[in-house]
């Protein structure tokens, strides 16, 4: 065996012994799991169960709701993707804390509230957080525990006036790089540096929550402040580039969205790091000429809503149609409706993702009062405000057309007559000694069945019957035809004898025909035929 062939076989054997990479799975959690839940989308399980069951590379989706009681959640050192089911209003709320130590764990779209003596969110080496609201009433909102961790588009806060910070770096995060971009940090110390490494704070707000605090307390390491606000700084180990010197203006106490006129609006980068990036509330990350500082992007105007229209689907339902332009802000819309302009009822809220173009929306109204006029308006809300359309109405559906009057039944017009012989001295009168009597029948304008019977009488005496067809004859509408009555030899003999014995007596044939239409209507006709003596 040649050297090259032997090496090739060794390579093939080695590859065969390498286990196939396990495919990543997605596990689902809910605040109220059913017994025996399987952590599937159909059967979501308890959050701690989903996190402990997940393997490296898996995704854990946290369903909307509040997760109680207080608990410490973690990735167990595994690299996981942890994400809330929705962003903006309605994201899942975890009453506890998250400690992420996996080297590539990512967490997003979760609200973490901690009342324990532990940070709401702790990031280990290489872990990252995006669009996370982490608030602690006891210690730091967020901690960076190890090098390589990053946090973006997030709020880290301790709104209490105790000693602790919005975001801090710990001593274990030494000799490494860390980054906070578009983060709002609120605490007695908005940002606290306790690590010897280098952290870059970019397009962010670090702000004290009391006059006795500092926007940033830089005890060790190097802090690079790039296009950020941190005016009240303790320590000198920092580098500031293009700092914001005017204090940002928030909407209200505890509401860290920027208010109209805040100097932090359009003060950040001219481009976003990630195309299509969103802020903490799901708004476009860059709305103006530049990004804003902190977790939230200022949305300057409310959604635009077209004049809605509605179509009635049934006596008790309708569909409202409109177009909505979110104007860069994640939008929530619903329809208010009722029997008068005061409305009174509302459809469930629907999320419309942030965009700069209009989208058609359709909202079904059900359970309406039958056959009544309904008033409605479309309500669309974003961080930019609320738009409510003027009162519109959808009329009661037109009553269904009256059913057509039933067609008048087609009355039978039966025909029954003696079919005269063609020519000869007996025209108009049959000879009794002939074997058959021929009749013409018809039943226009409707089809029918006809049965015929006859009998021979002389005076008050009946001499016998003339049997017709064995079954009724069927005639189509407007058609005519012939039916024959048989005169038996015996009947001819008896009549002849009687007439010979009673000169001057006259014989006649009495014919009765019954006509029956398809609708069951019945008509009877009678015919008397005089016969000449024989």
Protein backbone atom coordinates (compact mmCIF):
# COMPACT_ATOMS: atom_id res chain seq x y z
CA UNK A 1 0.00 0.00 0.00
CA UNK A 2 1.40 3.36 -0.97
CA UNK A 3 2.05 6.08 1.59
CA UNK A 4 -0.53 8.50 0.06
CA UNK A 5 -3.25 5.83 -0.09
CA UNK A 6 -2.63 4.87 3.54
CA UNK A 7 -2.91 8.48 4.66
CA UNK A 8 -6.14 8.87 2.72
CA UNK A 9 -7.66 5.84 4.42
CA UNK A 10 -6.63 7.15 7.83
CA UNK A 11 -8.32 10.46 7.08
CA UNK A 12 -11.53 8.68 6.01
CA UNK A 13 -11.50 6.58 9.18
CA UNK A 14 -10.89 9.62 11.32
CA UNK A 15 -13.79 11.47 9.75
CA UNK A 16 -16.05 8.48 10.25
CA UNK A 17 -15.25 8.48 13.97
CA UNK A 18 -16.15 12.18 14.39
CA UNK A 19 -19.71 12.38 15.81
CA UNK A 20 -22.23 14.31 13.72
CA UNK A 21 -23.05 17.74 15.07
CA UNK A 22 -26.32 17.72 16.96
CA UNK A 23 -28.98 19.96 15.46
CA UNK A 24 -30.03 22.89 17.61
CA UNK A 25 -33.43 22.71 19.28
CA UNK A 26 -35.89 25.36 20.44
CA UNK A 27 -37.49 25.00 23.86
CA UNK A 28 -40.47 27.04 25.06
CA UNK A 29 -41.25 28.31 28.55
CA UNK A 30 -44.42 29.73 30.08
CA UNK A 31 -45.31 31.16 33.51
CA UNK A 32 -48.05 28.55 34.00
CA UNK A 33 -46.97 25.21 32.54
CA UNK A 34 -49.25 22.20 32.47
CA UNK A 35 -48.21 19.09 34.43
CA UNK A 36 -45.71 17.05 32.45
CA UNK A 37 -45.03 19.88 29.98
CA UNK A 38 -42.55 18.92 27.23
CA UNK A 39 -40.97 22.37 26.64
CA UNK A 40 -42.40 22.33 23.11
CA UNK A 41 -44.33 25.10 21.40
CA UNK A 42 -47.52 23.10 22.00
CA UNK A 43 -46.57 22.23 25.59
CA UNK A 44 -44.30 24.97 27.08
CA UNK A 45 -42.66 24.18 30.39
CA UNK A 46 -41.29 25.98 33.43
CA UNK A 47 -38.45 28.42 32.62
CA UNK A 48 -35.90 26.76 34.92
CA UNK A 49 -36.75 23.39 33.34
CA UNK A 50 -36.27 24.75 29.82
CA UNK A 51 -32.89 26.29 30.74
CA UNK A 52 -31.61 23.14 32.45
CA UNK A 53 -32.85 20.86 29.66
CA UNK A 54 -31.37 22.96 26.84
CA UNK A 55 -28.03 21.95 25.37
CA UNK A 56 -25.30 24.18 23.98
CA UNK A 57 -26.52 25.89 20.82
CA UNK A 58 -30.22 25.55 21.70
CA UNK A 59 -32.72 28.42 21.87
CA UNK A 60 -35.04 29.02 24.82
CA UNK A 61 -38.11 31.15 24.02
CA UNK A 62 -39.67 32.84 27.05
CA UNK A 63 -43.41 33.28 26.59
CA UNK A 64 -45.21 36.49 27.54
CA UNK A 65 -46.24 36.80 31.19
CA UNK A 66 -44.73 37.27 34.65
CA UNK A 67 -42.45 34.55 36.01
CA UNK A 68 -42.81 34.19 39.77
CA UNK A 69 -41.76 33.61 42.47
CA UNK A 70 -38.30 35.17 42.64
CA UNK A 71 -35.66 32.84 41.32
CA UNK A 72 -32.14 32.89 39.95
CA UNK A 73 -32.05 31.67 36.37
CA UNK A 74 -28.93 30.74 34.45
CA UNK A 75 -27.55 29.05 31.37
CA UNK A 76 -25.51 26.53 33.35
CA UNK A 77 -22.36 27.58 31.51
CA UNK A 78 -23.85 26.50 28.16
CA UNK A 79 -23.94 28.77 25.16
CA UNK A 80 -27.68 29.38 24.65
CA UNK A 81 -29.91 31.85 22.88
CA UNK A 82 -32.55 33.16 25.28
CA UNK A 83 -35.22 35.39 23.80
CA UNK A 84 -38.57 36.83 24.74
CA UNK A 85 -41.55 35.95 22.56
CA UNK A 86 -42.24 39.59 21.65
CA UNK A 87 -40.50 42.93 21.93
CA UNK A 88 -41.69 46.21 23.32
CA UNK A 89 -44.82 46.35 25.46
CA UNK A 90 -45.87 42.88 26.48
CA UNK A 91 -42.40 41.31 26.70
CA UNK A 92 -42.01 38.59 29.37
CA UNK A 93 -41.22 39.78 32.90
CA UNK A 94 -38.90 37.65 35.03
CA UNK A 95 -39.17 38.24 38.77
CA UNK A 96 -35.66 37.18 39.72
CA UNK A 97 -32.26 37.36 38.08
CA UNK A 98 -30.26 35.96 35.20
CA UNK A 99 -26.66 34.78 35.54
CA UNK A 100 -25.20 33.96 32.12
CA UNK A 101 -21.77 32.34 32.06
CA UNK A 102 -21.85 30.50 28.74
CA UNK A 103 -19.12 31.85 26.42
CA UNK A 104 -21.59 32.79 23.69
CA UNK A 105 -24.93 33.03 25.48
CA UNK A 106 -27.26 35.72 24.13
CA UNK A 107 -30.33 37.11 25.84
CA UNK A 108 -32.86 39.51 24.30
CA UNK A 109 -36.33 41.02 24.72
CA UNK A 110 -36.77 40.20 28.40
CA UNK A 111 -37.65 42.37 31.39
CA UNK A 112 -35.84 41.31 34.57
CA UNK A 113 -36.91 42.66 37.97
CA UNK A 114 -34.81 41.66 40.97
CA UNK A 115 -35.61 42.32 44.59
CA UNK A 116 -32.86 39.99 45.81
CA UNK A 117 -29.36 41.00 46.82
CA UNK A 118 -28.02 40.12 43.41
CA UNK A 119 -27.77 41.93 40.10
CA UNK A 120 -30.77 41.54 37.83
CA UNK A 121 -28.49 40.55 34.92
CA UNK A 122 -24.92 39.20 35.10
CA UNK A 123 -22.94 38.61 31.91
CA UNK A 124 -20.00 36.23 31.85
CA UNK A 125 -17.23 35.91 29.33
CA UNK A 126 -18.46 36.45 25.78
CA UNK A 127 -22.14 36.69 26.81
CA UNK A 128 -24.31 39.42 25.31
CA UNK A 129 -27.61 41.14 26.01
CA UNK A 130 -29.79 43.12 23.60
CA UNK A 131 -33.08 44.90 24.30
CA UNK A 132 -33.14 43.85 27.94
CA UNK A 133 -34.67 45.85 30.79
CA UNK A 134 -32.80 44.87 33.97
CA UNK A 135 -33.89 46.64 37.16
CA UNK A 136 -32.75 45.80 40.71
CA UNK A 137 -34.03 47.36 43.89
CA UNK A 138 -31.08 46.03 45.92
CA UNK A 139 -27.84 46.00 43.93
CA UNK A 140 -26.71 46.68 40.36
CA UNK A 141 -29.16 46.43 37.48
CA UNK A 142 -26.52 44.84 35.22
CA UNK A 143 -23.08 43.42 35.90
CA UNK A 144 -20.33 42.53 33.44
CA UNK A 145 -18.52 39.74 35.20
CA UNK A 146 -15.98 38.71 32.58
CA UNK A 147 -14.21 39.99 29.51
CA UNK A 148 -15.76 39.99 26.07
CA UNK A 149 -19.29 40.67 27.29
CA UNK A 150 -21.44 43.20 25.45
CA UNK A 151 -24.76 44.87 26.14
CA UNK A 152 -26.80 46.93 23.64
CA UNK A 153 -30.15 48.75 23.41
CA UNK A 154 -30.86 48.01 27.07
CA UNK A 155 -31.85 49.66 30.34
CA UNK A 156 -29.78 48.85 33.41
CA UNK A 157 -31.16 50.56 36.49
CA UNK A 158 -31.33 50.72 40.27
CA UNK A 159 -33.87 53.47 40.87
CA UNK A 160 -33.33 53.38 44.63
CA UNK A 161 -31.03 55.90 46.36
CA UNK A 162 -28.77 53.19 47.81
CA UNK A 163 -25.12 52.75 46.96
CA UNK A 164 -25.49 50.63 43.85
CA UNK A 165 -25.23 51.21 40.13
CA UNK A 166 -27.13 50.85 36.91
CA UNK A 167 -24.24 48.99 35.19
CA UNK A 168 -20.99 47.83 36.74
CA UNK A 169 -17.90 45.90 35.71
CA UNK A 170 -16.40 43.55 38.26
CA UNK A 171 -12.80 42.73 39.06
CA UNK A 172 -13.00 39.39 37.25
CA UNK A 173 -13.42 41.30 33.98
CA UNK A 174 -9.75 42.20 33.81
CA UNK A 175 -7.32 42.60 30.96
CA UNK A 176 -10.09 42.31 28.43
CA UNK A 177 -12.48 44.31 26.30
CA UNK A 178 -16.14 44.97 27.12
CA UNK A 179 -18.72 47.13 25.42
CA UNK A 180 -21.96 48.92 26.20
CA UNK A 181 -23.74 50.58 23.26
CA UNK A 182 -27.03 52.44 23.40
CA UNK A 183 -27.49 51.61 27.06
CA UNK A 184 -29.28 53.75 29.64
CA UNK A 185 -27.61 53.30 33.04
CA UNK A 186 -29.42 54.72 36.08
CA UNK A 187 -28.31 54.34 39.72
CA UNK A 188 -26.66 56.03 42.63
CA UNK A 189 -23.75 55.54 40.29
CA UNK A 190 -25.02 55.34 36.75
CA UNK A 191 -21.91 53.35 35.75
CA UNK A 192 -19.35 51.83 38.07
CA UNK A 193 -16.00 50.48 36.85
CA UNK A 194 -14.48 47.89 39.14
CA UNK A 195 -12.47 45.97 36.54
CA UNK A 196 -8.97 46.51 35.26
CA UNK A 197 -9.98 45.84 31.69
CA UNK A 198 -11.15 48.28 29.00
CA UNK A 199 -14.83 49.02 28.50
CA UNK A 200 -16.20 51.15 25.69
CA UNK A 201 -19.40 52.99 26.44
CA UNK A 202 -20.88 54.24 23.18
CA UNK A 203 -24.02 56.27 22.40
CA UNK A 204 -25.15 55.71 25.98
CA UNK A 205 -26.45 57.58 29.01
CA UNK A 206 -24.90 57.09 32.46
CA UNK A 207 -26.89 59.12 34.97
CA UNK A 208 -27.08 59.39 38.75
CA UNK A 209 -30.47 59.07 40.43
CA UNK A 210 -29.69 61.42 43.32
CA UNK A 211 -27.66 64.56 43.87
CA UNK A 212 -25.29 62.57 46.10
CA UNK A 213 -24.35 60.14 43.35
CA UNK A 214 -22.18 60.17 40.26
CA UNK A 215 -23.02 59.60 36.64
CA UNK A 216 -19.92 57.40 36.50
CA UNK A 217 -17.52 56.15 39.17
CA UNK A 218 -14.29 55.00 37.55
CA UNK A 219 -12.16 53.26 40.14
CA UNK A 220 -10.06 51.02 37.94
CA UNK A 221 -9.46 49.98 34.37
CA UNK A 222 -10.02 52.23 31.40
CA UNK A 223 -13.39 53.57 30.33
CA UNK A 224 -13.82 54.96 26.85
CA UNK A 225 -16.80 57.29 26.60
CA UNK A 226 -17.82 57.80 22.97
CA UNK A 227 -20.72 60.12 22.17
CA UNK A 228 -22.19 59.49 25.61
CA UNK A 229 -23.47 61.42 28.60
CA UNK A 230 -21.62 61.12 31.93
CA UNK A 231 -21.11 64.66 33.20
CA UNK A 232 -20.57 63.94 36.90
CA UNK A 233 -17.61 61.56 36.96
CA UNK A 234 -15.57 60.29 39.89
CA UNK A 235 -12.03 59.26 38.92
CA UNK A 236 -9.77 60.11 36.04
CA UNK A 237 -9.20 56.75 34.32
CA UNK A 238 -11.30 57.46 31.27
CA UNK A 239 -11.18 58.81 27.77
CA UNK A 240 -14.05 60.94 26.50
CA UNK A 241 -14.69 61.65 22.83
CA UNK A 242 -17.46 63.97 21.69
CA UNK A 243 -19.28 63.82 25.05
CA UNK A 244 -22.78 65.17 25.63
CA UNK A 245 -22.50 67.86 28.28
CA UNK A 246 -26.19 68.74 28.65
CA UNK A 247 -28.30 66.48 30.82
CA UNK A 248 -30.80 64.28 28.93
CA UNK A 249 -34.48 64.93 29.58
CA UNK A 250 -36.68 61.94 30.31
CA UNK A 251 -40.44 61.77 29.98
CA UNK A 252 -41.19 61.15 33.66
CA UNK A 253 -39.78 59.66 36.82
CA UNK A 254 -39.07 56.01 36.10
CA UNK A 255 -39.77 56.50 32.40
CA UNK A 256 -36.37 56.71 30.71
CA UNK A 257 -37.63 57.40 27.22
CA UNK A 258 -36.34 60.74 25.94
CA UNK A 259 -38.73 63.66 26.05
CA UNK A 260 -39.21 66.22 23.30
CA UNK A 261 -36.24 68.60 23.22
CA UNK A 262 -33.81 66.27 25.02
CA UNK A 263 -30.22 67.07 23.89
CA UNK A 264 -29.54 63.34 23.64
CA UNK A 265 -31.78 63.08 20.56
CA UNK A 266 -29.80 62.67 17.32
CA UNK A 267 -26.51 62.90 19.22
CA UNK A 268 -25.24 59.39 18.51
CA UNK A 269 -23.75 57.60 15.53
CA UNK A 270 -24.65 58.54 11.98
CA UNK A 271 -25.04 54.86 11.06
CA UNK A 272 -26.29 51.83 12.96
CA UNK A 273 -24.05 48.88 13.69
CA UNK A 274 -26.72 46.43 12.49
CA UNK A 275 -29.10 47.24 9.58
CA UNK A 276 -32.68 47.10 10.77
CA UNK A 277 -31.66 47.33 14.42
CA UNK A 278 -34.40 48.15 16.94
CA UNK A 279 -34.37 49.96 20.25
CA UNK A 280 -35.63 48.61 23.58
CA UNK A 281 -39.26 49.29 22.67
CA UNK A 282 -39.02 47.89 19.14
CA UNK A 283 -38.67 51.26 17.39
CA UNK A 284 -36.24 51.76 14.53
CA UNK A 285 -32.83 52.40 16.02
CA UNK A 286 -32.13 55.34 13.74
CA UNK A 287 -35.06 57.65 13.01
CA UNK A 288 -33.42 61.04 12.54
CA UNK A 289 -30.09 62.02 11.02
CA UNK A 290 -28.29 60.16 13.82
CA UNK A 291 -29.13 57.62 16.45
CA UNK A 292 -30.22 58.82 19.88
CA UNK A 293 -28.34 58.08 23.08
CA UNK A 294 -29.46 55.36 25.43
CA UNK A 295 -31.84 52.45 25.19
CA UNK A 296 -34.67 54.28 23.47
CA UNK A 297 -35.01 56.07 20.15
CA UNK A 298 -37.19 59.19 20.19
CA UNK A 299 -40.27 58.71 17.97
CA UNK A 300 -41.29 62.21 16.86
CA UNK A 301 -44.84 61.54 15.64
CA UNK A 302 -47.68 59.12 16.22
CA UNK A 303 -48.78 56.53 13.67
CA UNK A 304 -50.69 57.73 10.61
CA UNK A 305 -54.04 56.01 10.05
CA UNK A 306 -56.16 56.26 6.92
CA UNK A 307 -59.90 56.84 7.10
CA UNK A 308 -61.17 53.35 7.80
CA UNK A 309 -63.92 51.50 6.00
CA UNK A 310 -65.94 48.50 7.02
CA UNK A 311 -67.78 45.66 5.35
CA UNK A 312 -70.63 43.79 6.94
CA UNK A 313 -70.04 40.06 6.79
CA UNK A 314 -73.24 38.94 8.47
CA UNK A 315 -76.00 40.41 10.62
CA UNK A 316 -73.68 40.09 13.66
CA UNK A 317 -70.17 40.59 12.23
CA UNK A 318 -68.12 43.07 10.20
CA UNK A 319 -64.51 43.72 9.15
CA UNK A 320 -62.83 47.12 9.62
CA UNK A 321 -60.16 47.95 7.03
CA UNK A 322 -57.50 50.67 7.23
CA UNK A 323 -53.84 51.41 6.48
CA UNK A 324 -51.40 52.33 9.24
CA UNK A 325 -47.95 53.89 8.86
CA UNK A 326 -46.03 53.32 12.12
CA UNK A 327 -43.77 56.32 11.34
CA UNK A 328 -40.73 54.40 12.64
CA UNK A 329 -42.27 53.37 15.97
CA UNK A 330 -43.50 49.95 16.95
CA UNK A 331 -47.27 50.39 16.91
CA UNK A 332 -50.17 48.84 18.77
CA UNK A 333 -53.61 49.12 17.25
CA UNK A 334 -57.16 48.08 18.01
CA UNK A 335 -60.71 49.03 17.06
CA UNK A 336 -63.18 50.57 19.45
CA UNK A 337 -66.84 50.07 18.55
CA UNK A 338 -70.37 50.20 19.88
CA UNK A 339 -73.99 51.05 19.11
CA UNK A 340 -73.38 54.83 19.44
CA UNK A 341 -70.49 57.27 19.05
CA UNK A 342 -69.55 56.63 22.68
CA UNK A 343 -68.40 53.15 21.52
CA UNK A 344 -67.70 51.04 24.63
CA UNK A 345 -66.20 47.84 23.24
CA UNK A 346 -62.67 47.13 22.02
CA UNK A 347 -60.93 44.44 19.98
CA UNK A 348 -57.67 42.82 21.21
CA UNK A 349 -54.51 44.85 20.64
CA UNK A 350 -52.33 43.87 17.69
CA UNK A 351 -48.64 44.75 17.22
CA UNK A 352 -47.50 46.35 13.96
CA UNK A 353 -43.68 46.27 13.64
CA UNK A 354 -41.79 49.53 13.27
CA UNK A 355 -41.57 50.74 9.67
CA UNK A 356 -41.68 53.87 7.55
CA UNK A 357 -44.32 52.63 5.10
CA UNK A 358 -48.02 51.94 5.50
CA UNK A 359 -49.52 48.49 5.89
CA UNK A 360 -53.09 47.36 5.35
CA UNK A 361 -54.79 46.08 8.50
CA UNK A 362 -58.07 44.20 8.86
CA UNK A 363 -59.88 43.80 12.17
CA UNK A 364 -62.92 41.57 12.62
CA UNK A 365 -65.84 42.68 14.79
CA UNK A 366 -68.02 39.85 16.08
CA UNK A 367 -71.00 39.53 18.36
CA UNK A 368 -72.62 42.72 17.02
CA UNK A 369 -76.27 43.41 17.70
CA UNK A 370 -78.14 41.80 14.85
CA UNK A 371 -79.19 44.05 12.00
CA UNK A 372 -78.06 47.30 13.65
CA UNK A 373 -75.76 50.20 12.75
CA UNK A 374 -72.35 50.04 14.49
CA UNK A 375 -70.01 52.97 15.24
CA UNK A 376 -66.25 52.36 15.24
CA UNK A 377 -62.84 54.03 15.19
CA UNK A 378 -59.26 52.76 14.80
CA UNK A 379 -56.80 53.55 17.60
CA UNK A 380 -53.04 53.28 16.90
CA UNK A 381 -50.39 53.99 19.57
CA UNK A 382 -46.60 54.13 19.58
CA UNK A 383 -43.93 55.94 21.59
CA UNK A 384 -44.73 58.88 19.32
CA UNK A 385 -48.31 59.18 20.59
CA UNK A 386 -51.82 57.98 19.76
CA UNK A 387 -53.95 58.48 16.67
CA UNK A 388 -57.70 57.88 16.84
CA UNK A 389 -59.78 58.09 13.69
CA UNK A 390 -63.05 59.98 13.68
CA UNK A 391 -66.29 58.16 14.28
CA UNK A 392 -67.36 55.95 11.38
CA UNK A 393 -70.33 53.68 10.96
CA UNK A 394 -71.13 50.44 9.26
CA UNK A 395 -74.77 50.10 8.43
CA UNK A 396 -76.95 47.14 9.14
CA UNK A 397 -76.90 44.72 6.25
CA UNK A 398 -79.73 45.04 3.78
CA UNK A 399 -82.47 42.53 4.52
CA UNK A 400 -82.22 39.51 2.30
CA UNK A 401 -84.44 39.72 -0.76
CA UNK A 402 -87.85 38.24 -0.30
CA UNK A 403 -88.05 34.76 -1.70
CA UNK A 404 -89.71 34.71 -5.10
CA UNK A 405 -93.40 34.05 -5.05
CA UNK A 406 -94.09 30.44 -5.76
CA UNK A 407 -94.93 29.92 -9.37
CA UNK A 408 -98.58 29.39 -10.05
CA UNK A 409 -99.16 25.73 -10.53
CA UNK A 410 -99.57 24.80 -14.13
CA UNK A 411 -103.12 23.69 -14.36
CA UNK A 412 -103.77 20.63 -16.40
CA UNK A 413 -105.57 21.18 -19.67
CA UNK A 414 -106.43 17.59 -20.56
CA UNK A 415 -107.79 16.61 -23.93
CA UNK A 416 -110.06 13.64 -24.45
CA UNK A 417 -111.97 13.04 -27.69
CA UNK A 418 -113.05 10.31 -30.05
CA UNK A 419 -110.60 9.87 -32.87
CA UNK A 420 -112.78 9.92 -35.95
CA UNK A 421 -112.29 7.49 -38.75
CA UNK A 422 -110.94 8.85 -41.97
CA UNK A 423 -113.77 9.02 -44.58
CA UNK A 424 -116.53 6.53 -45.21
CA UNK A 425 -120.19 6.52 -44.29
CA UNK A 426 -119.33 5.86 -40.62
CA UNK A 427 -117.35 9.12 -40.14
CA UNK A 428 -118.09 10.58 -36.76
CA UNK A 429 -119.65 7.44 -35.36
CA UNK A 430 -117.96 4.09 -34.68
CA UNK A 431 -119.29 0.75 -35.63
CA UNK A 432 -119.68 -1.30 -32.52
CA UNK A 433 -118.59 -4.40 -34.29
CA UNK A 434 -115.12 -3.01 -34.71
CA UNK A 435 -112.62 -4.36 -32.21
CA UNK A 436 -111.23 -1.06 -30.84
CA UNK A 437 -112.34 2.48 -30.08
CA UNK A 438 -109.59 5.03 -30.79
CA UNK A 439 -109.25 8.14 -28.57
CA UNK A 440 -107.03 11.22 -28.68
CA UNK A 441 -105.57 12.47 -25.36
CA UNK A 442 -103.13 15.13 -24.21
CA UNK A 443 -102.29 16.98 -20.98
CA UNK A 444 -100.53 20.31 -21.78
CA UNK A 445 -99.07 22.53 -20.43
CA UNK A 446 -97.70 20.08 -17.83
CA UNK A 447 -96.70 16.49 -18.24
CA UNK A 448 -99.04 13.91 -16.77
CA UNK A 449 -100.09 10.30 -16.63
CA UNK A 450 -103.44 9.35 -18.05
CA UNK A 451 -105.54 6.24 -17.55
CA UNK A 452 -108.76 5.57 -19.52
CA UNK A 453 -111.66 3.20 -19.01
CA UNK A 454 -115.00 2.79 -20.85
CA UNK A 455 -118.32 0.96 -20.65
CA UNK A 456 -121.26 0.33 -23.06
CA UNK A 457 -124.75 1.35 -22.03
CA UNK A 458 -128.18 1.08 -23.71
CA UNK A 459 -130.64 3.09 -21.74
CA UNK A 460 -130.12 2.19 -18.07
CA UNK A 461 -128.44 -1.07 -18.88
CA UNK A 462 -124.69 -1.49 -18.75
CA UNK A 463 -123.45 -4.29 -20.93
CA UNK A 464 -119.73 -4.36 -20.05
CA UNK A 465 -116.49 -2.48 -19.84
CA UNK A 466 -113.89 -1.64 -22.42
CA UNK A 467 -110.46 -2.16 -20.78
CA UNK A 468 -107.77 0.34 -21.69
CA UNK A 469 -103.96 0.01 -21.50
CA UNK A 470 -102.66 -2.13 -18.67
CA UNK A 471 -100.60 0.84 -17.31
CA UNK A 472 -101.16 4.56 -17.34
CA UNK A 473 -99.80 6.33 -20.39
CA UNK A 474 -97.34 9.20 -19.78
CA UNK A 475 -97.60 12.31 -21.95
CA UNK A 476 -95.03 15.13 -22.05
CA UNK A 477 -96.26 18.70 -21.77
CA UNK A 478 -98.00 19.83 -24.94
CA UNK A 479 -97.94 16.36 -26.50
CA UNK A 480 -100.92 14.33 -27.71
CA UNK A 481 -101.39 10.77 -28.69
CA UNK A 482 -103.81 7.90 -29.18
CA UNK A 483 -105.22 5.43 -26.68
CA UNK A 484 -107.31 2.40 -27.69
CA UNK A 485 -110.20 0.73 -25.84
CA UNK A 486 -110.82 -2.90 -26.79
CA UNK A 487 -114.35 -4.15 -27.59
CA UNK A 488 -114.48 -7.84 -26.84
CA UNK A 489 -116.36 -10.30 -29.05
CA UNK A 490 -118.58 -11.31 -26.14
CA UNK A 491 -119.55 -7.67 -25.53
CA UNK A 492 -120.37 -7.22 -29.24
CA UNK A 493 -122.59 -10.34 -29.17
CA UNK A 494 -124.58 -9.25 -26.12
CA UNK A 495 -125.21 -5.74 -27.45
CA UNK A 496 -126.26 -7.06 -30.85
CA UNK A 497 -128.75 -9.45 -29.26
CA UNK A 498 -130.27 -6.67 -27.18
CA UNK A 499 -130.63 -4.28 -30.11
CA UNK A 500 -132.28 -6.99 -32.25
CA UNK A 501 -134.78 -7.62 -29.47
CA UNK A 502 -135.44 -3.91 -28.89
CA UNK A 503 -135.74 -2.08 -32.21
CA UNK A 504 -135.13 1.65 -31.87
CA UNK A 505 -132.81 1.36 -28.84
CA UNK A 506 -129.58 3.32 -29.08
CA UNK A 507 -126.18 2.18 -27.74
CA UNK A 508 -123.50 4.48 -26.41
CA UNK A 509 -119.98 4.19 -25.00
CA UNK A 510 -119.18 6.15 -21.78
CA UNK A 511 -115.41 6.92 -21.48
CA UNK A 512 -113.77 8.18 -18.25
CA UNK A 513 -110.14 9.47 -18.34
CA UNK A 514 -108.10 10.40 -15.25
CA UNK A 515 -105.14 12.80 -15.67
CA UNK A 516 -102.54 13.03 -12.81
CA UNK A 517 -99.74 15.67 -12.91
CA UNK A 518 -96.32 15.41 -11.21
CA UNK A 519 -97.45 17.68 -8.33
CA UNK A 520 -100.32 15.32 -7.57
CA UNK A 521 -103.08 17.43 -9.05
CA UNK A 522 -105.75 15.33 -10.70
CA UNK A 523 -108.39 16.05 -13.37
CA UNK A 524 -111.09 13.72 -14.62
CA UNK A 525 -112.71 13.99 -18.03
CA UNK A 526 -115.73 12.08 -19.42
CA UNK A 527 -116.78 11.45 -23.00
CA UNK A 528 -119.97 9.94 -24.43
CA UNK A 529 -119.74 8.30 -27.84
CA UNK A 530 -122.88 7.35 -29.71
CA UNK A 531 -122.54 4.23 -31.81
CA UNK A 532 -124.59 3.31 -34.87
CA UNK A 533 -126.66 0.22 -34.76
CA UNK A 534 -125.18 -2.86 -36.19
